[in-house]
Amino acid sequence: MRSIDSIHVKPLLNPRDCVDSVVPHTFLQSKFWGLFKSRTGWNSYSCNIHLSDRTRLELLVLRRHIGKLFCFLYVPFGLSEVESAPDRWVLLSDIGRALGDQVGGNNLFVRFDLPWLVRDGFSANDHIENQTDELKKRKIAKGVDIQVPDTVVLDLSKREEDILIGMKPKWRYNIRLSEKKGISVSEEGERGLAEFMRLYQATARRDKIAIHSYPYYQQLFATVSHIQAESNAGALPKTAIPKLNLYIARHEGEALAGIIVLELGDNATYLYGASSGRKRNLMPTYALQWHAILAAKHRGVTSYDFFGIPPGAEDPDHPMAGLYLFKTGFGGDIIHRIGAYDVMLHPLLYPVFRCIESLRLLWYKKVKKGIRKILRNLFKGNPSRA
């Protein structure tokens, strides 16, 4: 059984701290992302862990306060290196406790959004049921997913023609239709952020979703720019320097839709998408995705992650069923991960927090939405009250 030989924790405070010794498998484990999160309300740490068999792990760990007295640690899509190890749950527990000790603070738990895949023939719940005794022994509980565990990833190493062939026929048709109807796509960078936010706010109102404020996305661009400046000055190596692209689709000068895509190493990730809802028949969102896919491919990127889909499309009434169909229609491999697991550092207080967390989720996802739906129906049925 492997054990932890040493662990070293370093805060991420400025661009010069953002030297990744290896290109991380996901931007969520990059030091760039840690620096960005440190500027938006989190504490960020780069953690080097050496195991007894000489395995070396490098983790991005985030910390956030819960009220005034407590904190929790969060590891987004980390520990991919031990996914196939027979002792992976033991390592998860040991690493979680070591992080709690080394990072310091009154941490209630460590939440790992695990990148470990759900294997064929299993569901995410099977992983819990098959490991119940081991998880209880190690004080590990199923947590609430912060990152969406399911996604679809497109292989960009294929020829352009083969990527198109892998799409659903309607998607190929819509891409060509957008071209015929005069949809133009341009890469506008941070200068297009105000236009994007106007579209994003319209999307949020239409789809009843929560988005961050303008300064959040502005900080994302600023963090990328700061790291690129350090790299250009020779302070950072060129490997794993992020590139942030903002694409806007227009028709006759009118902005109809926009997306933000992050490139890091060999991977591109579709982070955010927005649309006005106007001229949808011109298929601007299809033009945007195809433009971003080709741009990434031409820059040598080998995979394009659509970054988040519902678990399946069996339920047409699912609020994200349309999103599932849209993203999977471009082809690619559908990936299911087992989701979040918490290592309890205070087993007596942890259930109290989870109870509060569950009530909060119930309020925002069920009760609040239900009240809004009832009010909309009331006003719809009685226009004189509007």
Foldseek 3Di string as FASTA:
>chain_A
DKAWPDKDKDWLAALLVFADPDFDPDPLFGSLVQNLVCVVAKTWIWMWIAMPVRDIFIFIKIKHADPDAEIAIETEQGDPVCLPPPCVLVVVLNVFQVCPVNVDGHHFWYKYFHLRFDDPPGDLVVVCVVCVVVCVVSQKAFDDFPFFQKWFKQFLVDDPVVLLVQFDPVLNVLLVLLVVQAKDKDWDAPVCLVVQVVQAVLVCVVLVDDDDDSVSVVSSSVSLVRNVVCCVVVSYPPAFRKDKTKMFIDHPPHTFKIWIWMDTHQEIETDDIGGNPPPCVSVRVSNHVSVVSVVSSVVNRGMYIPGHAPPDLPDVPPSRNVVNCVRCSSHGDMTGRSTMMIRGPPSVCVVVVVVVVVVVCCCVVPVVVVVVVVVVVVCVVPVVVD
